[in-house]
Amino acid sequence: MWRYGRPALVLLLAGLAVGVPLWLVAVTSAKPQAESIEPNLDLPDRWQPGANYEDAVSQGEMLRGFVNSLLVVVPSVLLVLLLGAGAAWVFARRRSRLVSAAYALCISGLLLPPAVITIVMELRQLGLANTRPGMIAVYTGMYLSTSIFFMTGFIRAIPMELEEAARMDGASQARIFARIVLPLVRPVIATATIMVMLYAWSDVFYAFFVLGGGDRATLPLNLYQVASAQLYLNNWHLVFAYVVVMSLPMVAVFLVGQRKIVSGITSGAVK
């Protein structure tokens, strides 16, 4: 009996941990201001989601924040994938103490948290503080370790004979990488893409120190700014409506690529 009860209990607890906050955000975003002053799990007496979402988009300048987020997240993802795949190919195919030491150094980012003060000081010295290129560099450095870790394990499982046959046919290293390696690592590339997008899209901590706000504010940072400026004071229905709209792109990305996440993680870590 307990053998079947434990999985059900775990699923129930996980469902409550995830479902209760989601329900609170969803129902509060549909309430009028008078009912949302003290957020709770009750259904609204009067539903007005359309008006709330419209006010959140217009007053919160979400369109500008959405464009800023894209200008930062998309280049970061592309750099993480390109640099991660290239480095992982080298680490997976070459055997030496120097390569092993370099691999250990690259994946150390999985355990060591970034030093925010040091990052900001370095960006100021390079003239990249409060700029999008500086934010792109920070995200690339932060998530490159994860990309290298998963891709290296996956590439090691690819038979060397495929690459050797291409070399015998006269293919260059760049052609082998583009035509053989990259197509075969598509599952783990999809995993890295979704993971980096989810983390970078919702980041407000590093964006606050690197971008500093203003016209370059991303969606989470823009929400922080308008909330701290008392634009949304006691307007929890607008805050939660902003959160819902901001989360929709990443929810869509996750739903489309959730199978790739599982296959990429298991292939890269287990193989």
Protein backbone atom coordinates (compact mmCIF):
# COMPACT_ATOMS: atom_id res chain seq x y z
CA MET A 1 0.00 0.00 0.00
CA TRP A 2 2.74 2.44 1.01
CA ARG A 3 4.68 1.57 -2.15
CA TYR A 4 1.90 3.15 -4.22
CA GLY A 5 1.13 5.84 -1.66
CA ARG A 6 4.60 7.41 -1.63
CA PRO A 7 4.61 8.42 -5.31
CA ALA A 8 1.10 9.80 -4.95
CA LEU A 9 2.12 11.79 -1.87
CA VAL A 10 5.18 13.20 -3.63
CA LEU A 11 3.09 14.20 -6.65
CA LEU A 12 0.50 15.81 -4.38
CA LEU A 13 3.11 17.85 -2.50
CA ALA A 14 4.81 18.89 -5.75
CA GLY A 15 1.44 19.86 -7.22
CA LEU A 16 0.62 21.99 -4.19
CA ALA A 17 4.05 23.65 -4.18
CA VAL A 18 3.69 24.63 -7.83
CA GLY A 19 -0.07 24.94 -8.19
CA VAL A 20 -0.87 27.19 -5.22
CA PRO A 21 1.44 30.07 -6.29
CA LEU A 22 0.23 29.77 -9.89
CA TRP A 23 -3.38 29.87 -8.76
CA LEU A 24 -2.69 32.93 -6.56
CA VAL A 25 -1.11 34.79 -9.49
CA ALA A 26 -3.85 33.80 -11.94
CA VAL A 27 -6.86 34.70 -9.81
CA THR A 28 -5.34 37.93 -8.48
CA SER A 29 -4.55 39.10 -12.01
CA ALA A 30 -8.27 38.88 -12.81
CA LYS A 31 -9.52 40.80 -9.76
CA PRO A 32 -10.35 44.52 -9.47
CA GLN A 33 -8.09 46.65 -7.28
CA ALA A 34 -10.38 46.59 -4.25
CA GLU A 35 -10.26 42.78 -4.08
CA SER A 36 -6.52 42.48 -4.75
CA ILE A 37 -5.19 44.73 -1.98
CA GLU A 38 -4.66 41.60 0.13
CA PRO A 39 -3.96 38.75 -2.34
CA ASN A 40 -5.64 35.45 -1.50
CA LEU A 41 -6.76 32.26 -3.18
CA ASP A 42 -10.44 33.22 -3.42
CA LEU A 43 -12.12 33.59 -6.77
CA PRO A 44 -12.87 37.21 -7.72
CA ASP A 45 -16.39 38.49 -7.21
CA ARG A 46 -16.01 40.48 -10.40
CA TRP A 47 -13.76 39.28 -13.20
CA GLN A 48 -11.79 41.86 -15.18
CA PRO A 49 -8.69 40.15 -16.65
CA GLY A 50 -8.88 42.03 -19.95
CA ALA A 51 -8.70 45.47 -18.34
CA ASN A 52 -5.93 44.39 -15.97
CA TYR A 53 -3.75 42.97 -18.71
CA GLU A 54 -4.31 45.98 -20.93
CA ASP A 55 -3.30 48.37 -18.13
CA ALA A 56 -0.25 46.26 -17.27
CA VAL A 57 0.95 46.26 -20.88
CA SER A 58 0.40 49.97 -21.43
CA GLN A 59 1.39 51.41 -18.05
CA GLY A 60 4.26 48.99 -17.50
CA GLU A 61 5.84 49.69 -20.92
CA MET A 62 5.98 45.97 -21.61
CA LEU A 63 6.61 46.33 -25.32
CA ARG A 64 9.88 48.15 -24.73
CA GLY A 65 10.85 45.65 -22.05
CA PHE A 66 10.02 42.76 -24.37
CA VAL A 67 12.27 44.14 -27.11
CA ASN A 68 15.09 44.76 -24.62
CA SER A 69 14.78 41.21 -23.30
CA LEU A 70 15.00 39.79 -26.82
CA LEU A 71 18.05 41.94 -27.63
CA VAL A 72 19.83 40.50 -24.60
CA VAL A 73 18.58 36.93 -24.35
CA VAL A 74 18.76 35.87 -28.02
CA PRO A 75 22.45 36.82 -28.56
CA SER A 76 23.32 35.26 -25.20
CA VAL A 77 21.71 31.97 -26.19
CA LEU A 78 23.43 31.93 -29.58
CA LEU A 79 26.85 32.57 -28.04
CA VAL A 80 26.33 29.95 -25.33
CA LEU A 81 25.37 27.34 -27.95
CA LEU A 82 28.15 28.15 -30.40
CA LEU A 83 30.97 28.49 -27.88
CA GLY A 84 29.66 25.60 -25.78
CA ALA A 85 29.42 23.21 -28.72
CA GLY A 86 32.88 24.11 -29.99
CA ALA A 87 34.51 23.74 -26.58
CA ALA A 88 32.61 20.52 -25.83
CA TRP A 89 33.81 18.99 -29.12
CA VAL A 90 37.43 19.66 -28.16
CA PHE A 91 36.98 18.34 -24.62
CA ALA A 92 35.21 15.21 -25.85
CA ARG A 93 37.76 14.27 -28.53
CA ARG A 94 41.13 15.19 -27.05
CA ARG A 95 42.85 13.47 -24.15
CA SER A 96 45.56 15.26 -22.21
CA ARG A 97 46.14 16.70 -18.78
CA LEU A 98 45.90 20.22 -20.13
CA VAL A 99 42.53 19.50 -21.76
CA SER A 100 41.24 17.84 -18.58
CA ALA A 101 42.34 20.82 -16.51
CA ALA A 102 40.67 23.22 -18.95
CA TYR A 103 37.46 21.17 -18.83
CA ALA A 104 37.43 21.20 -15.03
CA LEU A 105 37.96 24.95 -15.07
CA CYS A 106 35.15 25.51 -17.57
CA ILE A 107 32.56 23.49 -15.68
CA SER A 108 33.58 24.98 -12.33
CA GLY A 109 30.98 27.63 -13.06
CA LEU A 110 28.33 25.06 -12.14
CA LEU A 111 29.47 25.24 -8.52
CA LEU A 112 31.00 28.69 -8.10
CA PRO A 113 28.53 31.59 -7.94
CA PRO A 114 29.42 34.69 -10.00
CA ALA A 115 30.94 37.55 -8.00
CA VAL A 116 28.65 40.45 -8.78
CA ILE A 117 30.92 43.24 -7.51
CA THR A 118 33.90 41.91 -9.47
CA ILE A 119 31.78 41.58 -12.62
CA VAL A 120 30.53 45.15 -12.37
CA MET A 121 34.03 46.51 -11.77
CA GLU A 122 35.43 44.62 -14.75
CA LEU A 123 32.62 45.81 -17.01
CA ARG A 124 33.30 49.40 -15.96
CA GLN A 125 36.97 49.05 -16.81
CA LEU A 126 36.06 47.62 -20.21
CA GLY A 127 33.47 50.31 -20.85
CA LEU A 128 30.63 47.75 -20.97
CA ALA A 129 28.76 48.73 -17.82
CA ASN A 130 25.11 49.71 -18.38
CA THR A 131 25.22 48.31 -21.91
CA ARG A 132 23.54 45.37 -23.64
CA PRO A 133 26.88 43.86 -24.80
CA GLY A 134 27.98 43.80 -21.16
CA MET A 135 24.77 42.00 -20.13
CA ILE A 136 25.19 39.54 -23.01
CA ALA A 137 28.77 38.83 -21.89
CA VAL A 138 27.61 38.18 -18.31
CA TYR A 139 24.86 35.76 -19.35
CA THR A 140 27.20 33.98 -21.75
CA GLY A 141 29.82 33.48 -19.06
CA MET A 142 27.26 32.39 -16.47
CA TYR A 143 25.57 29.69 -18.55
CA LEU A 144 28.48 28.49 -20.69
CA SER A 145 29.51 25.94 -18.04
CA THR A 146 26.12 24.21 -18.18
CA SER A 147 26.22 24.05 -21.97
CA ILE A 148 29.74 22.60 -22.02
CA PHE A 149 28.89 20.01 -19.37
CA PHE A 150 25.87 18.57 -21.17
CA MET A 151 27.32 18.77 -24.67
CA THR A 152 30.62 17.11 -23.74
CA GLY A 153 28.88 14.06 -22.33
CA PHE A 154 26.68 13.81 -25.41
CA ILE A 155 29.50 14.18 -27.96
CA ARG A 156 31.55 11.48 -26.23
CA ALA A 157 28.77 9.03 -27.10
CA ILE A 158 29.00 9.86 -30.84
CA PRO A 159 31.12 7.24 -32.69
CA MET A 160 34.48 8.56 -33.82
CA GLU A 161 34.10 6.60 -37.06
CA LEU A 162 31.67 9.21 -38.39
CA GLU A 163 34.24 11.97 -38.12
CA GLU A 164 37.08 9.78 -39.39
CA ALA A 165 35.08 8.84 -42.47
CA ALA A 166 34.45 12.52 -43.18
CA ARG A 167 38.16 13.31 -42.82
CA MET A 168 39.03 10.54 -45.26
CA ASP A 169 36.65 12.19 -47.74
CA GLY A 170 38.58 15.43 -47.37
CA ALA A 171 36.23 17.32 -45.07
CA SER A 172 37.77 20.11 -43.00
CA GLN A 173 37.38 20.42 -39.24
CA ALA A 174 34.89 23.25 -39.65
CA ARG A 175 32.83 21.20 -42.10
CA ILE A 176 32.84 18.17 -39.82
CA PHE A 177 31.69 20.34 -36.92
CA ALA A 178 28.93 22.00 -38.94
CA ARG A 179 27.67 19.01 -40.90
CA ILE A 180 28.16 16.09 -38.48
CA VAL A 181 28.61 17.22 -34.88
CA LEU A 182 26.00 19.98 -34.66
CA PRO A 183 23.14 17.98 -36.26
CA LEU A 184 23.82 15.06 -33.91
CA VAL A 185 23.76 17.20 -30.76
CA ARG A 186 20.42 18.83 -31.54
CA PRO A 187 18.66 17.34 -28.48
CA VAL A 188 21.18 18.79 -26.04
CA ILE A 189 21.31 22.05 -27.99
CA ALA A 190 17.54 22.33 -27.54
CA THR A 191 17.97 21.62 -23.82
CA ALA A 192 20.63 24.29 -23.42
CA THR A 193 18.55 26.77 -25.41
CA ILE A 194 15.48 26.36 -23.25
CA MET A 195 17.39 26.37 -19.95
CA VAL A 196 19.38 29.51 -20.76
CA MET A 197 16.27 31.30 -22.06
CA LEU A 198 14.29 30.43 -18.93
CA TYR A 199 17.01 31.67 -16.59
CA ALA A 200 17.99 34.81 -18.51
CA TRP A 201 14.40 35.83 -19.32
CA SER A 202 13.38 35.94 -15.67
CA ASP A 203 16.62 37.40 -14.28
CA VAL A 204 16.37 40.67 -12.41
CA PHE A 205 19.32 40.42 -10.00
CA TYR A 206 22.21 40.60 -12.48
CA ALA A 207 20.27 42.87 -14.84
CA PHE A 208 19.88 45.36 -11.99
CA PHE A 209 23.63 45.60 -11.39
CA VAL A 210 24.78 45.41 -15.02
CA LEU A 211 22.11 47.31 -16.96
CA GLY A 212 20.96 49.60 -14.21
CA GLY A 213 17.54 50.19 -15.77
CA GLY A 214 16.44 53.07 -17.93
CA ASP A 215 15.65 52.55 -21.59
CA ARG A 216 17.60 49.27 -21.61
CA ALA A 217 15.55 47.60 -18.84
CA THR A 218 14.44 44.04 -19.55
CA LEU A 219 10.96 42.79 -18.64
CA PRO A 220 11.76 41.65 -15.05
CA LEU A 221 13.87 44.74 -14.38
CA ASN A 222 11.16 46.96 -15.82
CA LEU A 223 8.60 45.38 -13.50
CA TYR A 224 10.90 46.04 -10.54
CA GLN A 225 11.30 49.66 -11.57
CA VAL A 226 7.63 50.46 -12.03
CA ALA A 227 6.74 48.64 -8.80
CA SER A 228 9.43 50.42 -6.77
CA ALA A 229 8.36 53.76 -8.29
CA GLN A 230 4.94 53.24 -6.66
CA LEU A 231 3.20 53.04 -10.03
CA TYR A 232 1.80 49.69 -8.87
CA LEU A 233 1.45 50.61 -5.19
CA ASN A 234 -1.34 48.41 -3.78
CA ASN A 235 -2.16 47.40 -7.36
CA TRP A 236 -1.38 43.71 -7.01
CA HIS A 237 -3.80 42.91 -9.80
CA LEU A 238 -1.55 44.82 -12.22
CA VAL A 239 1.65 43.30 -10.81
CA PHE A 240 0.35 39.76 -11.24
CA ALA A 241 -1.09 40.58 -14.66
CA TYR A 242 2.39 41.81 -15.67
CA VAL A 243 3.91 38.57 -14.37
CA VAL A 244 1.43 36.45 -16.34
CA VAL A 245 2.05 38.27 -19.61
CA MET A 246 5.83 38.25 -19.05
CA SER A 247 5.80 34.49 -18.46
CA LEU A 248 3.75 33.52 -21.51
CA PRO A 249 6.66 33.42 -24.02
CA MET A 250 8.72 31.13 -21.80
CA VAL A 251 5.72 28.93 -21.02
CA ALA A 252 5.22 28.46 -24.76
CA VAL A 253 8.92 27.68 -25.26
CA PHE A 254 8.86 25.15 -22.43
CA LEU A 255 5.72 23.40 -23.66
CA VAL A 256 7.16 23.08 -27.16
CA GLY A 257 10.56 21.80 -26.02
CA GLN A 258 9.86 19.88 -22.81
CA ARG A 259 10.60 16.52 -24.44
CA LYS A 260 13.91 17.87 -25.71
CA ILE A 261 14.82 18.95 -22.18
CA VAL A 262 14.42 15.43 -20.80
CA SER A 263 16.16 13.69 -23.71
CA GLY A 264 19.01 16.18 -23.76
CA ILE A 265 19.68 16.00 -20.02
CA THR A 266 19.60 12.19 -19.89
CA SER A 267 21.71 11.82 -23.01
CA GLY A 268 24.31 14.33 -21.94
CA ALA A 269 24.56 13.23 -18.31
CA VAL A 270 24.05 9.46 -18.52
CA LYS A 271 25.86 8.52 -21.69
